[in-house]
N, C-alpha and C. Protein backbone atom coordinates (compact mmCIF):
# COMPACT_ATOMS: atom_id res chain seq x y z
N MET A 1 278.70 155.81 86.95
CA MET A 1 279.10 156.10 88.32
C MET A 1 278.56 157.46 88.71
N SER A 2 278.08 157.59 89.89
CA SER A 2 277.52 158.83 90.40
C SER A 2 278.55 159.95 90.35
N GLY A 3 278.14 161.10 89.84
CA GLY A 3 279.02 162.25 89.75
C GLY A 3 279.78 162.36 88.44
N ASP A 4 279.77 161.32 87.63
CA ASP A 4 280.46 161.36 86.35
C ASP A 4 279.58 162.05 85.32
N VAL A 5 280.20 162.86 84.48
CA VAL A 5 279.50 163.49 83.37
C VAL A 5 279.54 162.51 82.20
N THR A 6 278.40 162.30 81.54
CA THR A 6 278.33 161.36 80.43
C THR A 6 277.65 162.01 79.24
N GLY A 7 277.65 161.32 78.12
CA GLY A 7 276.92 161.74 76.94
C GLY A 7 277.37 163.08 76.38
N PHE A 8 276.39 163.85 75.90
CA PHE A 8 276.69 165.13 75.25
C PHE A 8 277.40 166.11 76.19
N PRO A 9 276.99 166.22 77.47
CA PRO A 9 277.72 167.15 78.35
C PRO A 9 279.22 166.81 78.45
N ARG A 10 279.54 165.50 78.48
CA ARG A 10 280.94 165.10 78.54
C ARG A 10 281.67 165.50 77.25
N ALA A 11 281.03 165.27 76.12
CA ALA A 11 281.63 165.65 74.84
C ALA A 11 281.83 167.17 74.78
N LEU A 12 280.87 167.90 75.29
CA LEU A 12 280.97 169.36 75.29
C LEU A 12 282.13 169.83 76.18
N LEU A 13 282.29 169.22 77.35
CA LEU A 13 283.40 169.59 78.24
C LEU A 13 284.75 169.25 77.61
N ARG A 14 284.81 168.15 76.89
CA ARG A 14 286.06 167.78 76.22
C ARG A 14 286.35 168.74 75.07
N ALA A 15 285.31 169.14 74.33
CA ALA A 15 285.49 170.12 73.26
C ALA A 15 285.93 171.47 73.84
N GLU A 16 285.35 171.84 74.96
CA GLU A 16 285.73 173.06 75.65
C GLU A 16 287.21 173.03 76.01
N GLY A 17 287.70 171.86 76.43
CA GLY A 17 289.12 171.71 76.73
C GLY A 17 289.98 171.94 75.50
N ALA A 18 289.56 171.39 74.38
CA ALA A 18 290.32 171.57 73.13
C ALA A 18 290.35 173.04 72.72
N ILE A 19 289.24 173.72 72.90
CA ILE A 19 289.18 175.15 72.58
C ILE A 19 290.06 175.95 73.53
N THR A 20 290.05 175.59 74.82
CA THR A 20 290.91 176.26 75.79
C THR A 20 292.37 176.10 75.39
N LEU A 21 292.75 174.89 75.01
CA LEU A 21 294.12 174.64 74.55
C LEU A 21 294.46 175.52 73.35
N ALA A 22 293.59 175.54 72.36
CA ALA A 22 293.85 176.30 71.14
C ALA A 22 293.95 177.80 71.41
N VAL A 23 293.03 178.34 72.17
CA VAL A 23 293.02 179.79 72.44
C VAL A 23 294.22 180.18 73.30
N ALA A 24 294.49 179.42 74.36
CA ALA A 24 295.63 179.75 75.23
C ALA A 24 296.94 179.69 74.44
N THR A 25 297.10 178.69 73.59
CA THR A 25 298.31 178.56 72.80
C THR A 25 298.43 179.69 71.78
N ALA A 26 297.32 180.04 71.13
CA ALA A 26 297.34 181.14 70.16
C ALA A 26 297.68 182.47 70.83
N LEU A 27 297.09 182.71 72.00
CA LEU A 27 297.39 183.95 72.72
C LEU A 27 298.85 183.98 73.17
N TYR A 28 299.36 182.86 73.61
CA TYR A 28 300.77 182.78 74.00
C TYR A 28 301.66 183.13 72.80
N ALA A 29 301.26 182.69 71.62
CA ALA A 29 302.06 182.93 70.42
C ALA A 29 302.11 184.41 70.03
N VAL A 30 301.04 185.15 70.29
CA VAL A 30 300.97 186.52 69.78
C VAL A 30 301.14 187.61 70.84
N LEU A 31 301.00 187.27 72.13
CA LEU A 31 301.11 188.29 73.16
C LEU A 31 302.51 188.33 73.75
N GLU A 32 302.89 189.50 74.24
CA GLU A 32 304.18 189.67 74.91
C GLU A 32 304.08 189.11 76.31
N THR A 33 304.87 188.09 76.60
CA THR A 33 304.79 187.43 77.90
C THR A 33 306.10 187.55 78.68
N GLY A 34 306.89 188.54 78.37
CA GLY A 34 308.10 188.83 79.14
C GLY A 34 309.05 187.67 79.22
N ALA A 35 309.51 187.40 80.44
CA ALA A 35 310.52 186.36 80.67
C ALA A 35 309.99 184.96 80.37
N VAL A 36 308.67 184.81 80.32
CA VAL A 36 308.06 183.51 80.04
C VAL A 36 307.62 183.52 78.58
N SER A 37 308.59 183.56 77.70
CA SER A 37 308.27 183.57 76.28
C SER A 37 309.16 182.58 75.54
N GLY A 38 308.73 182.22 74.37
CA GLY A 38 309.46 181.26 73.56
C GLY A 38 308.87 179.88 73.69
N TRP A 39 308.95 179.13 72.61
CA TRP A 39 308.35 177.80 72.59
C TRP A 39 309.10 176.81 73.46
N TRP A 40 310.37 177.04 73.70
CA TRP A 40 311.10 176.13 74.58
C TRP A 40 310.57 176.26 76.01
N VAL A 41 310.22 177.49 76.43
CA VAL A 41 309.64 177.70 77.76
C VAL A 41 308.28 177.02 77.83
N PHE A 42 307.49 177.18 76.78
CA PHE A 42 306.17 176.54 76.71
C PHE A 42 306.33 175.02 76.85
N ALA A 43 307.27 174.45 76.10
CA ALA A 43 307.49 173.00 76.12
C ALA A 43 307.93 172.51 77.50
N VAL A 44 308.76 173.29 78.17
CA VAL A 44 309.25 172.88 79.50
C VAL A 44 308.14 172.98 80.54
N LEU A 45 307.32 174.03 80.47
CA LEU A 45 306.32 174.29 81.52
C LEU A 45 304.95 173.66 81.29
N ILE A 46 304.68 173.18 80.09
CA ILE A 46 303.33 172.67 79.79
C ILE A 46 302.94 171.50 80.70
N LEU A 47 303.88 170.72 81.15
CA LEU A 47 303.56 169.58 82.01
C LEU A 47 303.77 169.88 83.50
N ALA A 48 304.20 171.08 83.83
CA ALA A 48 304.47 171.43 85.23
C ALA A 48 303.27 171.20 86.16
N PRO A 49 302.03 171.49 85.76
CA PRO A 49 300.91 171.24 86.67
C PRO A 49 300.78 169.77 87.08
N ASP A 50 301.32 168.86 86.30
CA ASP A 50 301.22 167.44 86.65
C ASP A 50 302.11 167.08 87.83
N LEU A 51 302.99 167.97 88.24
CA LEU A 51 303.77 167.74 89.46
C LEU A 51 302.83 167.65 90.67
N SER A 52 301.63 168.17 90.51
CA SER A 52 300.64 168.10 91.60
C SER A 52 300.26 166.65 91.92
N MET A 53 300.56 165.72 91.02
CA MET A 53 300.29 164.31 91.31
C MET A 53 301.10 163.82 92.51
N LEU A 54 302.14 164.55 92.85
CA LEU A 54 302.93 164.18 94.03
C LEU A 54 302.09 164.27 95.30
N GLY A 55 301.00 165.02 95.24
CA GLY A 55 300.08 165.09 96.37
C GLY A 55 299.53 163.73 96.76
N TYR A 56 299.51 162.81 95.81
CA TYR A 56 299.01 161.46 96.09
C TYR A 56 299.94 160.69 97.03
N LEU A 57 301.14 161.19 97.25
CA LEU A 57 302.02 160.57 98.24
C LEU A 57 301.42 160.70 99.64
N GLY A 58 300.54 161.68 99.82
CA GLY A 58 299.85 161.88 101.09
C GLY A 58 298.53 161.14 101.17
N GLY A 59 298.23 160.32 100.18
CA GLY A 59 296.98 159.56 100.15
C GLY A 59 296.02 160.11 99.11
N PRO A 60 294.95 159.36 98.82
CA PRO A 60 294.05 159.76 97.74
C PRO A 60 293.27 161.05 98.02
N ARG A 61 292.89 161.29 99.26
CA ARG A 61 292.14 162.52 99.57
C ARG A 61 293.03 163.75 99.38
N THR A 62 294.22 163.72 99.95
CA THR A 62 295.16 164.84 99.81
C THR A 62 295.56 164.99 98.35
N GLY A 63 295.82 163.88 97.68
CA GLY A 63 296.20 163.93 96.27
C GLY A 63 295.14 164.59 95.42
N ALA A 64 293.87 164.24 95.67
CA ALA A 64 292.78 164.82 94.88
C ALA A 64 292.70 166.33 95.10
N VAL A 65 292.85 166.77 96.34
CA VAL A 65 292.78 168.21 96.64
C VAL A 65 293.91 168.95 95.93
N VAL A 66 295.13 168.46 96.07
CA VAL A 66 296.29 169.12 95.46
C VAL A 66 296.16 169.10 93.93
N TYR A 67 295.82 167.95 93.37
CA TYR A 67 295.67 167.83 91.92
C TYR A 67 294.58 168.77 91.40
N ASN A 68 293.43 168.79 92.07
CA ASN A 68 292.32 169.62 91.63
C ASN A 68 292.64 171.11 91.71
N LEU A 69 293.38 171.53 92.73
CA LEU A 69 293.79 172.94 92.80
C LEU A 69 294.67 173.31 91.61
N ALA A 70 295.53 172.39 91.22
CA ALA A 70 296.43 172.66 90.08
C ALA A 70 295.74 172.49 88.73
N HIS A 71 294.55 171.89 88.72
CA HIS A 71 293.86 171.65 87.46
C HIS A 71 292.50 172.34 87.38
N SER A 72 292.34 173.35 88.19
CA SER A 72 291.16 174.20 88.14
C SER A 72 291.53 175.46 87.35
N HIS A 73 290.58 176.04 86.69
CA HIS A 73 290.85 177.24 85.89
C HIS A 73 291.08 178.49 86.74
N ALA A 74 290.72 178.47 88.02
CA ALA A 74 290.77 179.68 88.85
C ALA A 74 292.17 180.30 88.92
N LEU A 75 293.17 179.51 89.25
CA LEU A 75 294.52 180.06 89.43
C LEU A 75 295.15 180.54 88.12
N PRO A 76 295.08 179.78 87.03
CA PRO A 76 295.64 180.32 85.79
C PRO A 76 294.90 181.56 85.29
N LEU A 77 293.58 181.62 85.50
CA LEU A 77 292.84 182.82 85.09
C LEU A 77 293.25 184.02 85.94
N ALA A 78 293.53 183.80 87.22
CA ALA A 78 294.02 184.89 88.07
C ALA A 78 295.37 185.40 87.56
N LEU A 79 296.25 184.48 87.17
CA LEU A 79 297.54 184.88 86.61
C LEU A 79 297.37 185.65 85.30
N ILE A 80 296.48 185.17 84.44
CA ILE A 80 296.23 185.86 83.17
C ILE A 80 295.71 187.27 83.46
N GLY A 81 294.79 187.39 84.41
CA GLY A 81 294.27 188.71 84.78
C GLY A 81 295.37 189.62 85.29
N LEU A 82 296.25 189.09 86.13
CA LEU A 82 297.37 189.87 86.64
C LEU A 82 298.28 190.31 85.50
N GLY A 83 298.46 189.42 84.54
CA GLY A 83 299.30 189.75 83.39
C GLY A 83 298.70 190.82 82.50
N VAL A 84 297.39 190.85 82.39
CA VAL A 84 296.72 191.83 81.54
C VAL A 84 296.51 193.15 82.27
N ILE A 85 296.03 193.08 83.50
CA ILE A 85 295.70 194.29 84.25
C ILE A 85 296.92 194.85 84.96
N GLY A 86 297.81 193.97 85.41
CA GLY A 86 298.97 194.33 86.23
C GLY A 86 299.81 195.48 85.72
N PRO A 87 300.34 195.53 84.59
CA PRO A 87 300.63 194.36 83.76
C PRO A 87 301.90 193.65 84.24
N VAL A 88 301.81 192.35 84.31
CA VAL A 88 302.94 191.49 84.67
C VAL A 88 303.05 190.45 83.56
N PRO A 89 303.82 190.76 82.51
CA PRO A 89 303.88 189.85 81.36
C PRO A 89 304.21 188.40 81.70
N ALA A 90 305.10 188.18 82.66
CA ALA A 90 305.45 186.80 83.01
C ALA A 90 304.25 186.06 83.57
N ALA A 91 303.40 186.74 84.34
CA ALA A 91 302.18 186.11 84.88
C ALA A 91 301.26 185.72 83.74
N LEU A 92 301.18 186.56 82.73
CA LEU A 92 300.36 186.24 81.56
C LEU A 92 300.86 184.97 80.89
N GLY A 93 302.16 184.88 80.67
CA GLY A 93 302.73 183.69 80.03
C GLY A 93 302.49 182.43 80.84
N LEU A 94 302.74 182.50 82.14
CA LEU A 94 302.52 181.34 83.00
C LEU A 94 301.05 180.92 83.01
N GLY A 95 300.15 181.91 83.10
CA GLY A 95 298.72 181.61 83.11
C GLY A 95 298.26 180.96 81.82
N LEU A 96 298.77 181.44 80.69
CA LEU A 96 298.38 180.86 79.40
C LEU A 96 298.90 179.44 79.24
N ILE A 97 300.13 179.19 79.66
CA ILE A 97 300.67 177.82 79.59
C ILE A 97 299.87 176.90 80.50
N TRP A 98 299.54 177.37 81.69
CA TRP A 98 298.78 176.58 82.66
C TRP A 98 297.39 176.27 82.11
N ALA A 99 296.74 177.29 81.52
CA ALA A 99 295.42 177.08 80.93
C ALA A 99 295.50 176.08 79.77
N ALA A 100 296.55 176.17 78.96
CA ALA A 100 296.73 175.22 77.86
C ALA A 100 296.85 173.80 78.40
N HIS A 101 297.58 173.63 79.50
CA HIS A 101 297.72 172.30 80.11
C HIS A 101 296.36 171.75 80.53
N ILE A 102 295.57 172.58 81.20
CA ILE A 102 294.24 172.14 81.63
C ILE A 102 293.39 171.79 80.41
N GLY A 103 293.52 172.56 79.34
CA GLY A 103 292.79 172.28 78.11
C GLY A 103 293.16 170.92 77.52
N ILE A 104 294.45 170.61 77.51
CA ILE A 104 294.89 169.29 77.01
C ILE A 104 294.25 168.19 77.84
N ASP A 105 294.36 168.33 79.16
CA ASP A 105 293.81 167.29 80.03
C ASP A 105 292.32 167.09 79.79
N ARG A 106 291.57 168.17 79.74
CA ARG A 106 290.11 168.05 79.55
C ARG A 106 289.78 167.45 78.19
N ALA A 107 290.51 167.87 77.15
CA ALA A 107 290.26 167.34 75.82
C ALA A 107 290.50 165.84 75.76
N LEU A 108 291.47 165.36 76.53
CA LEU A 108 291.79 163.93 76.56
C LEU A 108 290.92 163.15 77.54
N GLY A 109 290.07 163.85 78.28
CA GLY A 109 289.17 163.18 79.20
C GLY A 109 289.67 163.07 80.63
N TYR A 110 290.76 163.75 80.93
CA TYR A 110 291.28 163.76 82.30
C TYR A 110 290.62 164.89 83.06
N GLY A 111 289.73 164.53 83.96
CA GLY A 111 288.99 165.54 84.70
C GLY A 111 289.51 165.72 86.11
N LEU A 112 288.75 166.49 86.86
CA LEU A 112 289.06 166.69 88.27
C LEU A 112 288.85 165.38 89.02
N LYS A 113 289.64 165.16 90.04
CA LYS A 113 289.67 163.86 90.73
C LYS A 113 288.73 163.81 91.93
N TYR A 114 288.17 162.64 92.13
CA TYR A 114 287.41 162.34 93.34
C TYR A 114 288.37 161.71 94.34
N PRO A 115 288.09 161.82 95.64
CA PRO A 115 289.04 161.34 96.65
C PRO A 115 289.14 159.82 96.79
N ASP A 116 288.35 159.07 96.04
CA ASP A 116 288.42 157.61 96.17
C ASP A 116 289.52 157.00 95.30
N GLY A 117 290.18 157.80 94.48
CA GLY A 117 291.27 157.28 93.67
C GLY A 117 291.55 158.13 92.45
N PHE A 118 292.79 158.08 91.98
CA PHE A 118 293.23 158.91 90.86
C PHE A 118 292.41 158.66 89.59
N GLY A 119 291.98 157.43 89.38
CA GLY A 119 291.28 157.07 88.15
C GLY A 119 289.83 157.51 88.08
N HIS A 120 289.27 158.03 89.17
CA HIS A 120 287.87 158.46 89.18
C HIS A 120 287.83 159.97 89.03
N THR A 121 287.39 160.42 87.84
CA THR A 121 287.34 161.85 87.54
C THR A 121 285.91 162.27 87.21
N HIS A 122 285.70 163.58 87.19
CA HIS A 122 284.36 164.07 86.86
C HIS A 122 283.99 163.79 85.41
N LEU A 123 284.96 163.45 84.60
CA LEU A 123 284.69 163.10 83.20
C LEU A 123 284.63 161.59 82.99
N GLY A 124 284.61 160.83 84.07
CA GLY A 124 284.55 159.38 83.98
C GLY A 124 285.83 158.73 84.46
N ARG A 125 285.87 157.43 84.35
CA ARG A 125 287.04 156.65 84.79
C ARG A 125 288.16 156.76 83.75
N ILE A 126 289.39 156.79 84.25
CA ILE A 126 290.56 156.77 83.37
C ILE A 126 291.47 155.62 83.81
N GLY A 127 292.38 155.26 82.94
CA GLY A 127 293.32 154.20 83.27
C GLY A 127 292.72 152.82 83.12
N LYS A 128 293.21 151.89 83.91
CA LYS A 128 292.79 150.49 83.78
C LYS A 128 291.31 150.27 84.08
N ASP A 129 290.69 151.19 84.82
CA ASP A 129 289.26 151.06 85.14
C ASP A 129 288.33 151.76 84.15
N ALA A 130 288.90 152.33 83.09
CA ALA A 130 288.09 153.05 82.11
C ALA A 130 287.13 152.10 81.40
N ARG A 131 285.95 152.61 81.12
CA ARG A 131 284.93 151.79 80.46
C ARG A 131 284.65 152.21 79.03
N ASP A 132 285.29 153.29 78.56
CA ASP A 132 284.96 153.71 77.18
C ASP A 132 286.13 153.82 76.31
């Protein structure tokens, strides 16, 4: 499908996701993250970005925009920067958990969404329409 990443680039993006997950989780474990600390907080918040799927209640185009904003590295990296430079330890913790979530998704093949439907991602089709 046009726009889908395939072959080695897809494998590389999925490996990058696994590395993002590992590094974000390791940093969360060793850095002071203020009020956003402890593994129970990590466990509760790790799936929070998936609440962006509620954007699909507004249709596939709106859903894709909302989902992609919540699954882009830009916002969690901004929080991590605020936590390091600020310093705002809670922002650091939230950013690391958010980055870990994106890493999990990418490692599993869940990419950014196209507006034609939830199952069409930049890493290929997911769900019932998946081909691999």
